[in-house]
Amino acid sequence: MAETFPPLSPARLLELLPQQAPFRFVDEVLEVNETSIVGRYTFKPDEFFYRGHFPGKPVTPGVILLECMCQIGVVLLGIYKVGLELPPEEHHDWLTLFSDAQVEFLKSVLPGDTVTVRGDLEFWRRKKLRSRVTLHLQDGTLAATAVASGIGVKNV
């Protein structure tokens, strides 16, 4: 059986997340384990994409919502899973890249909204991951769902 390593903390996961401002859509990791993750992000009213989507009545673009969902439900969960398999000195050698998704948008996310994203692992093998991901508004309303996949690749 393969060696396992201590779980990564939420703070360490955020350190290892490759996306940075202005394209990081994760403020905090609330909980994480081998099969699920929960994170949160607040869409600031001055985000770069609101200027053109849509002027005067801004709405968060679906592609940005999907990116937020995948950063938490795929990339961070993938980093956590890889962290259980590799020693700490190798954590920076790997990236978890988004590969595909089926997504449904149910409600608009507006400037200032805080969303909570939950990713539940459906598949993990050879650093390939598939998650069922949900995005809820601060009042608990389901705003989007996705089944999204990613794969761990050596960062050379």
N, C-alpha and C. Protein backbone atom coordinates (compact mmCIF):
# COMPACT_ATOMS: atom_id res chain seq x y z
N MET A 1 0.83 -1.18 0.00
CA MET A 1 0.00 0.00 0.00
C MET A 1 0.89 1.25 0.00
N ALA A 2 0.44 2.28 -0.71
CA ALA A 2 1.21 3.52 -0.82
C ALA A 2 1.22 4.28 0.50
N GLU A 3 2.31 5.00 0.70
CA GLU A 3 2.43 5.83 1.89
C GLU A 3 1.45 6.99 1.81
N THR A 4 0.85 7.36 2.94
CA THR A 4 0.01 8.54 2.98
C THR A 4 0.66 9.58 3.89
N PHE A 5 0.35 10.83 3.61
CA PHE A 5 0.94 11.95 4.32
C PHE A 5 -0.14 12.70 5.08
N PRO A 6 0.25 13.52 6.07
CA PRO A 6 -0.75 14.26 6.84
C PRO A 6 -1.59 15.18 5.95
N PRO A 7 -2.87 15.34 6.28
CA PRO A 7 -3.73 16.21 5.47
C PRO A 7 -3.26 17.66 5.49
N LEU A 8 -3.48 18.33 4.38
CA LEU A 8 -3.14 19.75 4.28
C LEU A 8 -4.20 20.59 4.98
N SER A 9 -3.77 21.63 5.65
CA SER A 9 -4.70 22.54 6.32
C SER A 9 -5.36 23.46 5.29
N PRO A 10 -6.50 24.06 5.63
CA PRO A 10 -7.10 25.05 4.72
C PRO A 10 -6.13 26.17 4.36
N ALA A 11 -5.34 26.66 5.31
CA ALA A 11 -4.38 27.73 5.02
C ALA A 11 -3.33 27.25 4.02
N ARG A 12 -2.84 26.04 4.17
CA ARG A 12 -1.83 25.50 3.25
C ARG A 12 -2.43 25.30 1.85
N LEU A 13 -3.68 24.87 1.78
CA LEU A 13 -4.34 24.73 0.48
C LEU A 13 -4.35 26.06 -0.26
N LEU A 14 -4.70 27.14 0.45
CA LEU A 14 -4.73 28.45 -0.19
C LEU A 14 -3.34 28.89 -0.64
N GLU A 15 -2.31 28.53 0.12
CA GLU A 15 -0.94 28.84 -0.29
C GLU A 15 -0.58 28.13 -1.59
N LEU A 16 -1.09 26.92 -1.77
CA LEU A 16 -0.75 26.11 -2.95
C LEU A 16 -1.65 26.38 -4.16
N LEU A 17 -2.75 27.09 -3.96
CA LEU A 17 -3.64 27.41 -5.08
C LEU A 17 -2.91 28.32 -6.05
N PRO A 18 -2.73 27.90 -7.31
CA PRO A 18 -1.93 28.70 -8.24
C PRO A 18 -2.60 29.99 -8.70
N GLN A 19 -3.92 30.05 -8.73
CA GLN A 19 -4.59 31.26 -9.18
C GLN A 19 -4.39 32.38 -8.17
N GLN A 20 -4.13 33.57 -8.70
CA GLN A 20 -3.90 34.76 -7.88
C GLN A 20 -4.79 35.90 -8.38
N ALA A 21 -4.91 36.94 -7.57
CA ALA A 21 -5.70 38.11 -7.96
C ALA A 21 -5.13 38.66 -9.27
N PRO A 22 -5.98 39.08 -10.17
CA PRO A 22 -7.42 39.25 -10.03
C PRO A 22 -8.23 38.02 -10.46
N PHE A 23 -7.58 36.85 -10.53
CA PHE A 23 -8.30 35.66 -11.01
C PHE A 23 -8.39 34.57 -9.95
N ARG A 24 -8.29 34.93 -8.68
CA ARG A 24 -8.53 33.97 -7.60
C ARG A 24 -9.91 34.26 -7.03
N PHE A 25 -10.75 33.23 -7.02
CA PHE A 25 -12.13 33.38 -6.56
C PHE A 25 -12.40 32.48 -5.36
N VAL A 26 -11.47 32.53 -4.40
CA VAL A 26 -11.58 31.80 -3.13
C VAL A 26 -11.04 32.72 -2.05
N ASP A 27 -11.86 33.01 -1.04
CA ASP A 27 -11.41 33.78 0.12
C ASP A 27 -10.98 32.87 1.25
N GLU A 28 -11.71 31.78 1.44
CA GLU A 28 -11.40 30.88 2.54
C GLU A 28 -11.91 29.48 2.27
N VAL A 29 -11.22 28.52 2.86
CA VAL A 29 -11.66 27.12 2.86
C VAL A 29 -12.25 26.87 4.24
N LEU A 30 -13.53 26.53 4.27
CA LEU A 30 -14.23 26.34 5.53
C LEU A 30 -14.05 24.94 6.09
N GLU A 31 -14.06 23.95 5.22
CA GLU A 31 -13.84 22.56 5.64
C GLU A 31 -13.35 21.75 4.46
N VAL A 32 -12.59 20.71 4.76
CA VAL A 32 -12.06 19.84 3.72
C VAL A 32 -11.73 18.49 4.33
N ASN A 33 -11.99 17.45 3.54
CA ASN A 33 -11.57 16.10 3.91
C ASN A 33 -11.35 15.32 2.61
N GLU A 34 -11.17 14.01 2.69
CA GLU A 34 -10.83 13.22 1.49
C GLU A 34 -11.93 13.18 0.45
N THR A 35 -13.17 13.50 0.83
CA THR A 35 -14.28 13.37 -0.12
C THR A 35 -15.07 14.65 -0.36
N SER A 36 -14.75 15.74 0.35
CA SER A 36 -15.50 16.96 0.13
C SER A 36 -14.71 18.19 0.57
N ILE A 37 -15.16 19.33 0.05
CA ILE A 37 -14.56 20.61 0.41
C ILE A 37 -15.65 21.67 0.37
N VAL A 38 -15.52 22.66 1.25
CA VAL A 38 -16.43 23.81 1.27
C VAL A 38 -15.57 25.06 1.35
N GLY A 39 -15.86 26.01 0.47
CA GLY A 39 -15.14 27.28 0.46
C GLY A 39 -16.08 28.44 0.23
N ARG A 40 -15.55 29.63 0.39
CA ARG A 40 -16.38 30.84 0.29
C ARG A 40 -15.63 31.92 -0.48
N TYR A 41 -16.43 32.73 -1.18
CA TYR A 41 -15.87 33.88 -1.88
C TYR A 41 -16.90 35.00 -1.91
N THR A 42 -16.44 36.24 -1.72
CA THR A 42 -17.29 37.41 -1.87
C THR A 42 -16.89 38.14 -3.15
N PHE A 43 -17.86 38.33 -4.04
CA PHE A 43 -17.63 39.05 -5.29
C PHE A 43 -17.65 40.54 -5.00
N LYS A 44 -16.48 41.15 -5.02
CA LYS A 44 -16.35 42.57 -4.70
C LYS A 44 -16.96 43.42 -5.81
N PRO A 45 -17.64 44.51 -5.45
CA PRO A 45 -18.27 45.36 -6.47
C PRO A 45 -17.30 45.94 -7.50
N ASP A 46 -16.00 46.01 -7.18
CA ASP A 46 -15.04 46.57 -8.14
C ASP A 46 -14.30 45.51 -8.95
N GLU A 47 -14.81 44.26 -8.98
CA GLU A 47 -14.16 43.21 -9.79
C GLU A 47 -14.07 43.70 -11.25
N PHE A 48 -12.98 43.35 -11.92
CA PHE A 48 -12.70 43.85 -13.27
C PHE A 48 -13.79 43.54 -14.28
N PHE A 49 -14.48 42.42 -14.15
CA PHE A 49 -15.44 41.99 -15.17
C PHE A 49 -16.78 42.70 -15.08
N TYR A 50 -17.09 43.35 -13.97
CA TYR A 50 -18.38 44.02 -13.84
C TYR A 50 -18.48 45.27 -14.73
N ARG A 51 -17.33 45.87 -15.07
CA ARG A 51 -17.36 47.08 -15.91
C ARG A 51 -18.06 46.82 -17.25
N GLY A 52 -17.93 45.62 -17.79
CA GLY A 52 -18.51 45.34 -19.09
C GLY A 52 -19.62 44.30 -19.08
N HIS A 53 -20.00 43.81 -17.90
CA HIS A 53 -20.99 42.71 -17.82
C HIS A 53 -21.99 42.98 -16.70
N PHE A 54 -22.90 43.68 -16.80
CA PHE A 54 -23.41 44.57 -17.84
C PHE A 54 -23.42 45.97 -17.25
N PRO A 55 -22.92 46.98 -17.97
CA PRO A 55 -22.82 48.33 -17.41
C PRO A 55 -24.17 48.83 -16.88
N GLY A 56 -24.14 49.32 -15.66
CA GLY A 56 -25.35 49.83 -15.03
C GLY A 56 -26.15 48.79 -14.27
N LYS A 57 -26.06 47.54 -14.64
CA LYS A 57 -26.75 46.43 -13.96
C LYS A 57 -25.85 45.20 -13.98
N PRO A 58 -24.71 45.28 -13.29
CA PRO A 58 -23.72 44.20 -13.37
C PRO A 58 -24.22 42.88 -12.80
N VAL A 59 -23.82 41.81 -13.47
CA VAL A 59 -24.12 40.43 -13.07
C VAL A 59 -22.81 39.64 -13.23
N THR A 60 -22.53 38.75 -12.30
CA THR A 60 -21.32 37.94 -12.39
C THR A 60 -21.44 36.99 -13.59
N PRO A 61 -20.48 37.01 -14.50
CA PRO A 61 -20.53 36.12 -15.67
C PRO A 61 -20.50 34.64 -15.26
N GLY A 62 -21.25 33.84 -16.00
CA GLY A 62 -21.29 32.40 -15.72
C GLY A 62 -19.92 31.76 -15.76
N VAL A 63 -19.07 32.19 -16.66
CA VAL A 63 -17.73 31.61 -16.75
C VAL A 63 -16.93 31.89 -15.48
N ILE A 64 -17.16 33.04 -14.85
CA ILE A 64 -16.49 33.37 -13.59
C ILE A 64 -17.06 32.52 -12.46
N LEU A 65 -18.38 32.30 -12.45
CA LEU A 65 -18.98 31.42 -11.44
C LEU A 65 -18.42 30.00 -11.57
N LEU A 66 -18.30 29.54 -12.80
CA LEU A 66 -17.74 28.20 -13.02
C LEU A 66 -16.29 28.16 -12.56
N GLU A 67 -15.53 29.21 -12.83
CA GLU A 67 -14.15 29.26 -12.37
C GLU A 67 -14.08 29.19 -10.84
N CYS A 68 -14.93 29.94 -10.16
CA CYS A 68 -14.99 29.90 -8.70
C CYS A 68 -15.32 28.49 -8.22
N MET A 69 -16.31 27.87 -8.84
CA MET A 69 -16.71 26.51 -8.47
C MET A 69 -15.56 25.52 -8.67
N CYS A 70 -14.83 25.67 -9.77
CA CYS A 70 -13.75 24.74 -10.07
C CYS A 70 -12.51 25.00 -9.23
N GLN A 71 -12.23 26.27 -8.92
CA GLN A 71 -11.09 26.53 -8.04
C GLN A 71 -11.28 25.84 -6.69
N ILE A 72 -12.50 25.83 -6.19
CA ILE A 72 -12.77 25.20 -4.90
C ILE A 72 -13.03 23.70 -5.05
N GLY A 73 -14.01 23.35 -5.88
CA GLY A 73 -14.48 21.96 -5.95
C GLY A 73 -13.63 21.01 -6.74
N VAL A 74 -12.71 21.52 -7.55
CA VAL A 74 -11.83 20.66 -8.34
C VAL A 74 -10.36 20.91 -7.97
N VAL A 75 -9.89 22.15 -8.15
CA VAL A 75 -8.46 22.42 -7.96
C VAL A 75 -8.05 22.23 -6.50
N LEU A 76 -8.73 22.89 -5.57
CA LEU A 76 -8.34 22.76 -4.16
C LEU A 76 -8.55 21.34 -3.64
N LEU A 77 -9.65 20.70 -4.05
CA LEU A 77 -9.85 19.31 -3.62
C LEU A 77 -8.77 18.42 -4.21
N GLY A 78 -8.38 18.68 -5.46
CA GLY A 78 -7.29 17.93 -6.08
C GLY A 78 -5.97 18.15 -5.36
N ILE A 79 -5.68 19.38 -4.99
CA ILE A 79 -4.46 19.67 -4.24
C ILE A 79 -4.47 18.90 -2.92
N TYR A 80 -5.61 18.89 -2.26
CA TYR A 80 -5.74 18.15 -0.99
C TYR A 80 -5.44 16.66 -1.21
N LYS A 81 -6.04 16.08 -2.25
CA LYS A 81 -5.86 14.65 -2.53
C LYS A 81 -4.40 14.34 -2.89
N VAL A 82 -3.78 15.18 -3.72
CA VAL A 82 -2.38 14.98 -4.08
C VAL A 82 -1.50 15.10 -2.83
N GLY A 83 -1.86 16.04 -1.95
CA GLY A 83 -1.10 16.23 -0.72
C GLY A 83 -1.08 15.01 0.18
N LEU A 84 -2.10 14.17 0.08
CA LEU A 84 -2.14 12.93 0.86
C LEU A 84 -1.20 11.87 0.28
N GLU A 85 -0.86 12.02 -1.00
CA GLU A 85 -0.06 11.01 -1.70
C GLU A 85 1.42 11.39 -1.85
N LEU A 86 1.74 12.68 -1.74
CA LEU A 86 3.10 13.14 -2.00
C LEU A 86 3.68 13.85 -0.78
N PRO A 87 4.99 13.76 -0.59
CA PRO A 87 5.61 14.47 0.53
C PRO A 87 5.55 15.98 0.30
N PRO A 88 5.59 16.77 1.38
CA PRO A 88 5.45 18.22 1.27
C PRO A 88 6.41 18.88 0.28
N GLU A 89 7.64 18.38 0.17
CA GLU A 89 8.60 19.01 -0.75
C GLU A 89 8.20 18.87 -2.22
N GLU A 90 7.22 18.01 -2.53
CA GLU A 90 6.77 17.83 -3.91
C GLU A 90 5.45 18.54 -4.21
N HIS A 91 4.83 19.17 -3.23
CA HIS A 91 3.52 19.78 -3.45
C HIS A 91 3.55 20.86 -4.52
N HIS A 92 4.61 21.65 -4.59
CA HIS A 92 4.69 22.71 -5.60
C HIS A 92 5.01 22.17 -6.99
N ASP A 93 5.32 20.88 -7.09
CA ASP A 93 5.65 20.28 -8.39
C ASP A 93 4.41 19.88 -9.19
N TRP A 94 3.22 20.00 -8.61
CA TRP A 94 2.00 19.52 -9.25
C TRP A 94 0.95 20.63 -9.34
N LEU A 95 0.21 20.63 -10.42
CA LEU A 95 -0.95 21.51 -10.60
C LEU A 95 -2.17 20.64 -10.85
N THR A 96 -3.31 21.04 -10.34
CA THR A 96 -4.56 20.39 -10.70
C THR A 96 -5.26 21.33 -11.67
N LEU A 97 -5.43 20.89 -12.91
CA LEU A 97 -6.01 21.71 -13.96
C LEU A 97 -7.44 21.27 -14.24
N PHE A 98 -8.32 22.22 -14.40
CA PHE A 98 -9.70 21.99 -14.80
C PHE A 98 -9.70 21.40 -16.21
N SER A 99 -10.56 20.40 -16.45
CA SER A 99 -10.59 19.81 -17.80
C SER A 99 -11.96 19.88 -18.47
N ASP A 100 -13.05 19.71 -17.73
CA ASP A 100 -14.37 19.78 -18.36
C ASP A 100 -15.45 19.93 -17.30
N ALA A 101 -16.64 20.37 -17.75
CA ALA A 101 -17.75 20.53 -16.81
C ALA A 101 -19.08 20.53 -17.55
N GLN A 102 -20.08 20.09 -16.84
CA GLN A 102 -21.47 20.29 -17.23
C GLN A 102 -22.04 21.17 -16.12
N VAL A 103 -22.57 22.32 -16.50
CA VAL A 103 -22.99 23.29 -15.49
C VAL A 103 -24.39 23.81 -15.78
N GLU A 104 -25.11 24.13 -14.72
CA GLU A 104 -26.42 24.74 -14.85
C GLU A 104 -26.46 25.95 -13.90
N PHE A 105 -26.84 27.10 -14.45
CA PHE A 105 -26.95 28.32 -13.66
C PHE A 105 -28.42 28.54 -13.33
N LEU A 106 -28.72 28.78 -12.06
CA LEU A 106 -30.10 28.87 -11.62
C LEU A 106 -30.49 30.27 -11.13
N LYS A 107 -29.55 31.02 -10.58
CA LYS A 107 -29.80 32.35 -10.05
C LYS A 107 -28.63 33.26 -10.38
N SER A 108 -28.89 34.55 -10.48
CA SER A 108 -27.83 35.52 -10.71
C SER A 108 -27.02 35.73 -9.43
N VAL A 109 -25.73 35.98 -9.61
CA VAL A 109 -24.84 36.38 -8.52
C VAL A 109 -24.44 37.82 -8.82
N LEU A 110 -24.69 38.70 -7.85
CA LEU A 110 -24.50 40.12 -8.06
C LEU A 110 -23.27 40.63 -7.32
N PRO A 111 -22.78 41.83 -7.70
CA PRO A 111 -21.66 42.42 -6.97
C PRO A 111 -21.99 42.50 -5.47
N GLY A 112 -21.03 42.10 -4.64
CA GLY A 112 -21.22 42.11 -3.20
C GLY A 112 -21.73 40.80 -2.63
N ASP A 113 -22.23 39.90 -3.49
CA ASP A 113 -22.73 38.61 -3.00
C ASP A 113 -21.60 37.74 -2.50
N THR A 114 -21.85 37.05 -1.40
CA THR A 114 -20.94 36.03 -0.89
C THR A 114 -21.53 34.68 -1.25
N VAL A 115 -20.71 33.83 -1.85
CA VAL A 115 -21.17 32.50 -2.25
C VAL A 115 -20.41 31.45 -1.46
N THR A 116 -21.08 30.34 -1.21
CA THR A 116 -20.47 29.18 -0.60
C THR A 116 -20.50 28.06 -1.62
N VAL A 117 -19.34 27.47 -1.85
CA VAL A 117 -19.18 26.41 -2.85
C VAL A 117 -18.83 25.12 -2.13
N ARG A 118 -19.53 24.05 -2.51
CA ARG A 118 -19.25 22.72 -1.96
C ARG A 118 -18.92 21.79 -3.12
N GLY A 119 -17.82 21.06 -2.97
CA GLY A 119 -17.44 20.04 -3.93
C GLY A 119 -17.45 18.68 -3.26
N ASP A 120 -18.15 17.74 -3.87
CA ASP A 120 -18.20 16.37 -3.37
C ASP A 120 -17.57 15.44 -4.39
N LEU A 121 -16.54 14.74 -3.96
CA LEU A 121 -15.78 13.86 -4.84
C LEU A 121 -16.65 12.74 -5.40
N GLU A 122 -16.60 12.58 -6.72
CA GLU A 122 -17.26 11.45 -7.37
C GLU A 122 -16.25 10.42 -7.85
N PHE A 123 -15.04 10.88 -8.18
CA PHE A 123 -14.06 9.97 -8.78
C PHE A 123 -12.66 10.51 -8.49
N TRP A 124 -11.74 9.62 -8.13
CA TRP A 124 -10.33 9.97 -7.96
C TRP A 124 -9.50 8.76 -8.33
N ARG A 125 -8.66 8.90 -9.35
CA ARG A 125 -7.76 7.82 -9.75
C ARG A 125 -6.66 8.40 -10.61
N ARG A 126 -5.41 8.07 -10.27
CA ARG A 126 -4.25 8.54 -11.03
C ARG A 126 -4.25 10.05 -11.22
N LYS A 127 -4.63 10.74 -10.16
CA LYS A 127 -4.67 12.20 -10.13
C LYS A 127 -5.73 12.80 -11.05
N LYS A 128 -6.67 12.01 -11.48
CA LYS A 128 -7.84 12.49 -12.23
C LYS A 128 -9.00 12.57 -11.24
N LEU A 129 -9.71 13.70 -11.23
CA LEU A 129 -10.74 13.96 -10.25
C LEU A 129 -12.01 14.43 -10.93
N ARG A 130 -13.14 13.98 -10.41
CA ARG A 130 -14.45 14.50 -10.84
C ARG A 130 -15.24 14.81 -9.58
N SER A 131 -15.85 15.99 -9.54
CA SER A 131 -16.63 16.43 -8.39
C SER A 131 -18.01 16.90 -8.81
N ARG A 132 -18.95 16.74 -7.90
CA ARG A 132 -20.26 17.37 -8.02
C ARG A 132 -20.16 18.65 -7.18
N VAL A 133 -20.36 19.80 -7.82
CA VAL A 133 -20.11 21.08 -7.18
C VAL A 133 -21.40 21.91 -7.15
N THR A 134 -21.66 22.53 -6.00
CA THR A 134 -22.81 23.42 -5.87
C THR A 134 -22.33 24.79 -5.41
N LEU A 135 -23.05 25.83 -5.83
CA LEU A 135 -22.77 27.20 -5.43
C LEU A 135 -24.06 27.79 -4.87
N HIS A 136 -24.00 28.22 -3.60
CA HIS A 136 -25.16 28.79 -2.92
C HIS A 136 -24.92 30.26 -2.59
N LEU A 137 -25.97 31.05 -2.68
CA LEU A 137 -25.92 32.43 -2.23
C LEU A 137 -25.93 32.46 -0.71
N GLN A 138 -25.65 33.65 -0.13
CA GLN A 138 -25.56 33.75 1.32
C GLN A 138 -26.85 33.38 2.03
N ASP A 139 -28.00 33.48 1.38
CA ASP A 139 -29.27 33.11 2.02
C ASP A 139 -29.58 31.62 1.86
N GLY A 140 -28.65 30.86 1.26
CA GLY A 140 -28.83 29.44 1.09
C GLY A 140 -29.41 29.03 -0.25
N THR A 141 -29.82 29.99 -1.07
CA THR A 141 -30.38 29.70 -2.39
C THR A 141 -29.34 29.05 -3.29
N LEU A 142 -29.71 27.94 -3.92
CA LEU A 142 -28.83 27.28 -4.88
C LEU A 142 -28.78 28.13 -6.15
N ALA A 143 -27.57 28.58 -6.53
CA ALA A 143 -27.40 29.44 -7.69
C ALA A 143 -26.82 28.71 -8.89
N ALA A 144 -26.06 27.62 -8.67
CA ALA A 144 -25.45 26.88 -9.78
C ALA A 144 -25.05 25.49 -9.32
N THR A 145 -25.06 24.57 -10.27
CA THR A 145 -24.58 23.21 -10.02
C THR A 145 -23.69 22.81 -11.18
N ALA A 146 -22.76 21.91 -10.91
CA ALA A 146 -21.88 21.42 -11.97
C ALA A 146 -21.35 20.05 -11.60
N VAL A 147 -21.02 19.30 -12.60
CA VAL A 147 -20.15 18.14 -12.47
C VAL A 147 -18.91 18.54 -13.24
N ALA A 148 -17.80 18.65 -12.53
CA ALA A 148 -16.58 19.19 -13.12
C ALA A 148 -15.41 18.24 -12.87
N SER A 149 -14.48 18.23 -13.79
CA SER A 149 -13.32 17.35 -13.71
C SER A 149 -12.03 18.12 -13.85
N GLY A 150 -10.98 17.51 -13.35
CA GLY A 150 -9.64 18.06 -13.48
C GLY A 150 -8.63 16.94 -13.40
N ILE A 151 -7.38 17.29 -13.67
CA ILE A 151 -6.32 16.29 -13.62
C ILE A 151 -5.06 16.93 -13.06
N GLY A 152 -4.35 16.17 -12.26
CA GLY A 152 -3.07 16.62 -11.72
C GLY A 152 -1.99 16.41 -12.75
N VAL A 153 -1.20 17.47 -13.00
CA VAL A 153 -0.10 17.39 -13.95
C VAL A 153 1.17 17.91 -13.32
N LYS A 154 2.28 17.34 -13.73
CA LYS A 154 3.58 17.77 -13.23
C LYS A 154 3.85 19.18 -13.73
N ASN A 155 4.18 20.07 -12.82
CA ASN A 155 4.46 21.47 -13.14
C ASN A 155 5.95 21.60 -13.46
N VAL A 156 6.26 21.66 -14.76
CA VAL A 156 7.67 21.71 -15.16
C VAL A 156 8.04 23.07 -15.71
